[in-house]
Amino acid sequence: MLNKQVEYLTIKSIRGKISTFLIEQYNTFGSLTFVLPMNRKEFAEFLNVSRPSLSREMSRMRDEGIIDFHMSAVKIIDLDRLKKHL
C-alpha cells in the first residue's frame, strides 16, 4: 500500500490521480462498477489531496460524463476518456 501511495505522489494532477486509481480498481474487479475500498476521507489521504478538492474533481468528472458515483459506489461511464488522463 505504501508503494502505491509513493506512486501517486509522482502524478501531478488530481484528475490523473483519480483516473489512475479508478482504472486500477477496474482492472482489479474486472467491472466498470465497483465499491471503493475506503471512505472519501481515506481516499483523499491515499491520493495525497484535500477531501474538498477530491470531491470537486470527481463531481466535474461526473458532470463531464466520465464517471458516476453514489457514496462509495463508482461506475466508469467512459473508460476511454478516463484513460486519457493517465
N, C-alpha and C. Protein backbone atom coordinates (compact mmCIF):
# COMPACT_ATOMS: atom_id res chain seq x y z
N MET A 1 0.83 -1.20 0.00
CA MET A 1 0.00 0.00 0.00
C MET A 1 0.87 1.26 0.00
N LEU A 2 1.97 1.24 0.76
CA LEU A 2 2.86 2.40 0.82
C LEU A 2 3.49 2.67 -0.54
N ASN A 3 3.90 1.61 -1.25
CA ASN A 3 4.47 1.79 -2.58
C ASN A 3 3.50 2.48 -3.51
N LYS A 4 2.23 2.11 -3.42
CA LYS A 4 1.20 2.74 -4.25
C LYS A 4 1.06 4.22 -3.91
N GLN A 5 1.10 4.54 -2.63
CA GLN A 5 0.99 5.94 -2.22
C GLN A 5 2.15 6.75 -2.77
N VAL A 6 3.34 6.19 -2.76
CA VAL A 6 4.51 6.88 -3.30
C VAL A 6 4.32 7.09 -4.80
N GLU A 7 3.77 6.09 -5.48
CA GLU A 7 3.48 6.20 -6.92
C GLU A 7 2.56 7.38 -7.19
N TYR A 8 1.54 7.54 -6.37
CA TYR A 8 0.58 8.62 -6.58
C TYR A 8 1.20 10.00 -6.35
N LEU A 9 2.25 10.08 -5.56
CA LEU A 9 2.93 11.36 -5.34
C LEU A 9 3.55 11.89 -6.62
N THR A 10 3.90 10.99 -7.55
CA THR A 10 4.55 11.42 -8.79
C THR A 10 3.54 11.93 -9.82
N ILE A 11 2.27 11.66 -9.61
CA ILE A 11 1.23 12.12 -10.53
C ILE A 11 0.84 13.54 -10.13
N LYS A 12 0.94 14.45 -11.06
CA LYS A 12 0.76 15.87 -10.74
C LYS A 12 -0.70 16.29 -10.53
N SER A 13 -1.58 15.90 -11.44
CA SER A 13 -2.95 16.41 -11.36
C SER A 13 -3.85 15.53 -10.50
N ILE A 14 -4.82 16.16 -9.89
CA ILE A 14 -5.80 15.41 -9.09
C ILE A 14 -6.57 14.46 -10.00
N ARG A 15 -6.95 14.94 -11.18
CA ARG A 15 -7.69 14.09 -12.12
C ARG A 15 -6.85 12.88 -12.53
N GLY A 16 -5.56 13.09 -12.73
CA GLY A 16 -4.67 11.98 -13.07
C GLY A 16 -4.60 10.95 -11.95
N LYS A 17 -4.56 11.42 -10.71
CA LYS A 17 -4.52 10.51 -9.56
C LYS A 17 -5.82 9.71 -9.46
N ILE A 18 -6.94 10.41 -9.60
CA ILE A 18 -8.24 9.73 -9.52
C ILE A 18 -8.36 8.72 -10.66
N SER A 19 -8.01 9.14 -11.86
CA SER A 19 -8.12 8.25 -13.03
C SER A 19 -7.27 7.01 -12.86
N THR A 20 -6.04 7.18 -12.41
CA THR A 20 -5.15 6.04 -12.21
C THR A 20 -5.75 5.07 -11.20
N PHE A 21 -6.23 5.61 -10.09
CA PHE A 21 -6.81 4.75 -9.05
C PHE A 21 -8.04 4.01 -9.57
N LEU A 22 -8.94 4.72 -10.25
CA LEU A 22 -10.17 4.09 -10.73
C LEU A 22 -9.88 3.01 -11.77
N ILE A 23 -8.91 3.24 -12.62
CA ILE A 23 -8.55 2.22 -13.61
C ILE A 23 -7.92 1.01 -12.92
N GLU A 24 -7.14 1.24 -11.88
CA GLU A 24 -6.59 0.11 -11.12
C GLU A 24 -7.72 -0.70 -10.48
N GLN A 25 -8.73 -0.02 -9.97
CA GLN A 25 -9.88 -0.72 -9.38
C GLN A 25 -10.65 -1.49 -10.46
N TYR A 26 -10.81 -0.87 -11.61
CA TYR A 26 -11.47 -1.53 -12.74
C TYR A 26 -10.71 -2.81 -13.11
N ASN A 27 -9.39 -2.72 -13.18
CA ASN A 27 -8.59 -3.90 -13.52
C ASN A 27 -8.68 -4.97 -12.43
N THR A 28 -8.73 -4.55 -11.18
CA THR A 28 -8.82 -5.49 -10.06
C THR A 28 -10.16 -6.22 -10.04
N PHE A 29 -11.25 -5.46 -10.19
CA PHE A 29 -12.58 -6.05 -10.09
C PHE A 29 -13.10 -6.60 -11.41
N GLY A 30 -12.51 -6.15 -12.52
CA GLY A 30 -12.96 -6.61 -13.83
C GLY A 30 -14.35 -6.11 -14.18
N SER A 31 -14.72 -4.98 -13.60
CA SER A 31 -16.07 -4.44 -13.80
C SER A 31 -15.99 -2.92 -13.83
N LEU A 32 -16.87 -2.31 -14.62
CA LEU A 32 -16.93 -0.85 -14.66
C LEU A 32 -17.63 -0.27 -13.44
N THR A 33 -18.27 -1.11 -12.66
CA THR A 33 -18.94 -0.68 -11.43
C THR A 33 -18.32 -1.41 -10.25
N PHE A 34 -17.95 -0.66 -9.23
CA PHE A 34 -17.31 -1.25 -8.06
C PHE A 34 -17.49 -0.34 -6.86
N VAL A 35 -17.17 -0.85 -5.70
CA VAL A 35 -17.23 -0.08 -4.46
C VAL A 35 -15.80 0.26 -4.05
N LEU A 36 -15.56 1.52 -3.76
CA LEU A 36 -14.23 1.93 -3.31
C LEU A 36 -13.89 1.22 -2.00
N PRO A 37 -12.64 0.79 -1.85
CA PRO A 37 -12.25 0.06 -0.65
C PRO A 37 -11.98 0.95 0.56
N MET A 38 -12.34 2.22 0.47
CA MET A 38 -12.11 3.17 1.56
C MET A 38 -13.14 4.27 1.46
N ASN A 39 -13.30 5.02 2.55
CA ASN A 39 -14.24 6.14 2.50
C ASN A 39 -13.57 7.34 1.80
N ARG A 40 -14.33 8.40 1.57
CA ARG A 40 -13.83 9.55 0.80
C ARG A 40 -12.64 10.22 1.49
N LYS A 41 -12.67 10.32 2.80
CA LYS A 41 -11.56 10.94 3.54
C LYS A 41 -10.29 10.11 3.37
N GLU A 42 -10.40 8.80 3.52
CA GLU A 42 -9.24 7.91 3.35
C GLU A 42 -8.75 7.93 1.91
N PHE A 43 -9.68 8.01 0.96
CA PHE A 43 -9.33 8.08 -0.45
C PHE A 43 -8.51 9.33 -0.73
N ALA A 44 -8.95 10.47 -0.19
CA ALA A 44 -8.21 11.73 -0.37
C ALA A 44 -6.81 11.63 0.26
N GLU A 45 -6.74 11.08 1.45
CA GLU A 45 -5.44 10.93 2.11
C GLU A 45 -4.53 10.00 1.31
N PHE A 46 -5.09 8.91 0.78
CA PHE A 46 -4.31 7.96 -0.01
C PHE A 46 -3.72 8.64 -1.25
N LEU A 47 -4.52 9.51 -1.89
CA LEU A 47 -4.05 10.20 -3.09
C LEU A 47 -3.23 11.45 -2.76
N ASN A 48 -3.17 11.80 -1.48
CA ASN A 48 -2.45 12.98 -1.01
C ASN A 48 -3.05 14.27 -1.59
N VAL A 49 -4.37 14.36 -1.52
CA VAL A 49 -5.09 15.56 -1.94
C VAL A 49 -6.09 15.90 -0.84
N SER A 50 -6.58 17.14 -0.86
CA SER A 50 -7.58 17.50 0.15
C SER A 50 -8.93 16.87 -0.22
N ARG A 51 -9.72 16.59 0.79
CA ARG A 51 -11.03 15.98 0.55
C ARG A 51 -11.92 16.86 -0.31
N PRO A 52 -11.99 18.18 -0.04
CA PRO A 52 -12.82 19.03 -0.90
C PRO A 52 -12.35 19.03 -2.36
N SER A 53 -11.04 19.02 -2.58
CA SER A 53 -10.51 19.00 -3.95
C SER A 53 -10.86 17.70 -4.65
N LEU A 54 -10.77 16.59 -3.92
CA LEU A 54 -11.14 15.29 -4.47
C LEU A 54 -12.62 15.28 -4.86
N SER A 55 -13.47 15.73 -3.97
CA SER A 55 -14.91 15.74 -4.24
C SER A 55 -15.24 16.65 -5.41
N ARG A 56 -14.60 17.80 -5.47
CA ARG A 56 -14.83 18.75 -6.56
C ARG A 56 -14.45 18.13 -7.92
N GLU A 57 -13.28 17.49 -7.97
CA GLU A 57 -12.81 16.91 -9.23
C GLU A 57 -13.66 15.72 -9.64
N MET A 58 -14.06 14.89 -8.68
CA MET A 58 -14.93 13.76 -9.00
C MET A 58 -16.29 14.26 -9.52
N SER A 59 -16.78 15.35 -8.95
CA SER A 59 -18.05 15.94 -9.42
C SER A 59 -17.90 16.47 -10.84
N ARG A 60 -16.77 17.09 -11.14
CA ARG A 60 -16.52 17.55 -12.52
C ARG A 60 -16.50 16.37 -13.48
N MET A 61 -15.84 15.30 -13.07
CA MET A 61 -15.76 14.11 -13.92
C MET A 61 -17.15 13.50 -14.14
N ARG A 62 -17.99 13.58 -13.13
CA ARG A 62 -19.38 13.11 -13.27
C ARG A 62 -20.15 14.01 -14.23
N ASP A 63 -19.99 15.33 -14.06
CA ASP A 63 -20.68 16.29 -14.93
C ASP A 63 -20.26 16.13 -16.39
N GLU A 64 -19.01 15.71 -16.62
CA GLU A 64 -18.49 15.51 -17.97
C GLU A 64 -18.86 14.13 -18.54
N GLY A 65 -19.55 13.31 -17.74
CA GLY A 65 -19.99 12.01 -18.22
C GLY A 65 -18.90 10.95 -18.25
N ILE A 66 -17.84 11.14 -17.46
CA ILE A 66 -16.74 10.18 -17.41
C ILE A 66 -17.02 9.09 -16.38
N ILE A 67 -17.51 9.51 -15.22
CA ILE A 67 -17.83 8.57 -14.14
C ILE A 67 -19.18 8.94 -13.54
N ASP A 68 -19.71 8.04 -12.76
CA ASP A 68 -20.86 8.33 -11.91
C ASP A 68 -20.55 7.71 -10.56
N PHE A 69 -21.09 8.26 -9.51
CA PHE A 69 -20.83 7.71 -8.18
C PHE A 69 -21.94 8.08 -7.23
N HIS A 70 -22.09 7.24 -6.25
CA HIS A 70 -23.01 7.49 -5.14
C HIS A 70 -22.38 6.87 -3.90
N MET A 71 -22.06 7.73 -2.96
CA MET A 71 -21.35 7.31 -1.75
C MET A 71 -20.05 6.62 -2.17
N SER A 72 -19.86 5.35 -1.84
CA SER A 72 -18.59 4.70 -2.19
C SER A 72 -18.70 3.84 -3.45
N ALA A 73 -19.87 3.81 -4.08
CA ALA A 73 -20.04 3.06 -5.33
C ALA A 73 -19.65 3.96 -6.51
N VAL A 74 -18.85 3.42 -7.41
CA VAL A 74 -18.38 4.16 -8.58
C VAL A 74 -18.71 3.37 -9.83
N LYS A 75 -19.11 4.10 -10.86
CA LYS A 75 -19.33 3.48 -12.17
C LYS A 75 -18.55 4.28 -13.20
N ILE A 76 -17.70 3.60 -13.95
CA ILE A 76 -16.97 4.25 -15.03
C ILE A 76 -17.90 4.27 -16.24
N ILE A 77 -18.22 5.46 -16.71
CA ILE A 77 -19.13 5.63 -17.84
C ILE A 77 -18.35 5.61 -19.15
N ASP A 78 -17.21 6.31 -19.19
CA ASP A 78 -16.42 6.43 -20.42
C ASP A 78 -14.97 6.06 -20.11
N LEU A 79 -14.66 4.78 -20.28
CA LEU A 79 -13.32 4.27 -19.96
C LEU A 79 -12.25 4.92 -20.82
N ASP A 80 -12.52 5.15 -22.09
CA ASP A 80 -11.53 5.76 -22.98
C ASP A 80 -11.17 7.17 -22.53
N ARG A 81 -12.16 7.96 -22.17
CA ARG A 81 -11.87 9.32 -21.68
C ARG A 81 -11.14 9.28 -20.35
N LEU A 82 -11.47 8.32 -19.51
CA LEU A 82 -10.78 8.18 -18.23
C LEU A 82 -9.30 7.86 -18.47
N LYS A 83 -9.03 6.99 -19.41
CA LYS A 83 -7.64 6.59 -19.72
C LYS A 83 -6.82 7.75 -20.28
N LYS A 84 -7.47 8.74 -20.89
CA LYS A 84 -6.75 9.89 -21.44
C LYS A 84 -6.09 10.72 -20.35
N HIS A 85 -6.52 10.55 -19.12
CA HIS A 85 -5.98 11.35 -18.01
C HIS A 85 -4.85 10.65 -17.28
N LEU A 86 -4.41 9.53 -17.81
CA LEU A 86 -3.29 8.81 -17.17
C LEU A 86 -1.98 9.49 -17.50
